[in-house]
């Protein structure tokens, strides 16, 4: 079976790491003939293209495939993808992300690909955007669903949301958790040198936020609650892990509020360095308004860290109230302050939540399990579709 994955760009992010791990894992574990098409990757969020340095033939760049909506350019991108797929003649195309998800499925249909799979990493429509954009993206997803063989969702919440929007049928959805290499996270522990690098002392309670510095990720809300938290917990400190287009805005806001001594920004961090950083903080907060199942939460739990998260999309599937952390309503700043304060005041909670989190993630989020479940799905679909 020949398989081609398609994604909009290969920045450092959860959906992109999932896609790269799937492509390389399917080849390594199941000797599947699989490759990847991506749009160009640029900007401050970093790139995962280096994952293919030893096998560059597996990655093709479609120059016109860009994240921003541009009717003329998008038409040209559709032509590029169609030509690439006709040249490759895959038995199955597996698309990821919003733009590549729609254009990739259209191109696969044009190229007469018999099986078309799409992974929903996060919603492409919802209350996080304006009414017109919401309508357009919802309609685009409904149209693309007409020629989608099967959907993979990284959270049960995504299945419910898409079915509620009239997209697909229940039997077309399979839940496959977004796995990752668990070993480095399970082995992660406190490292005073890492804490010292960011200006944190042993007595500080360090709250980390792992996410791109971009709209809807919630770093601004952490700034908003910082004064109230510091009033209750003067030893608390904050670490923003990642980079992105909002970095200068956040730095200015930190200076404006006089919070420079309490906040540290790591800048761009390679995925391989995330475990040792998470191992050296005390808790992780996740305030995103748009996610599938946040990979950052699963990684934090694998590192044995309790989490405080907004009850948004699939966050509640790993942030289990009273078991792995505290789940609060989006925008409820008072509950955020209470949850983080309770963790700062009760080390026993940190240990108990961290241990339960590691058990949860170890059972369901290994990259090997993800790859094996995708392979099994491909085989089932091929038996039904390919003569």
Foldseek 3Di string as FASTA:
>chain_A
DAEEEEEAFFFPFLQNVLVLLQQVVCCVPPVHNYAYEYEYDDFQRHGPLVSCVVPNVRYHYQPLRHDDDDVVSLVVSLVSLLVVCLVVVGLEYEYEDQSCQLSVLVSCVVSVRQAYEYEPFWDQADPVDDPVSNVVSLVSQQVSLVRHQAYEYQFPLVVVVCVVSVRDDNVRYDYAHRFDALVLLLPAAADQVLCVVQPADPLAQEEEEEDELDPQFCPVVCVVLVVVLCVLPVRYAYEYEGYGDCVVVVVVSCVVVVNVNRYGYPRHDDPVPVNNNLNRHAAYETQGQMGAAHPVLLSNLSNLFAYEYEPHHRPCVQNPPPQQFHYHHRPPSVVVSVRVSVCSVDVVSSNRNSVSSSVVSVVRHHSNSSNVVVVVVVVVVCVVTPD
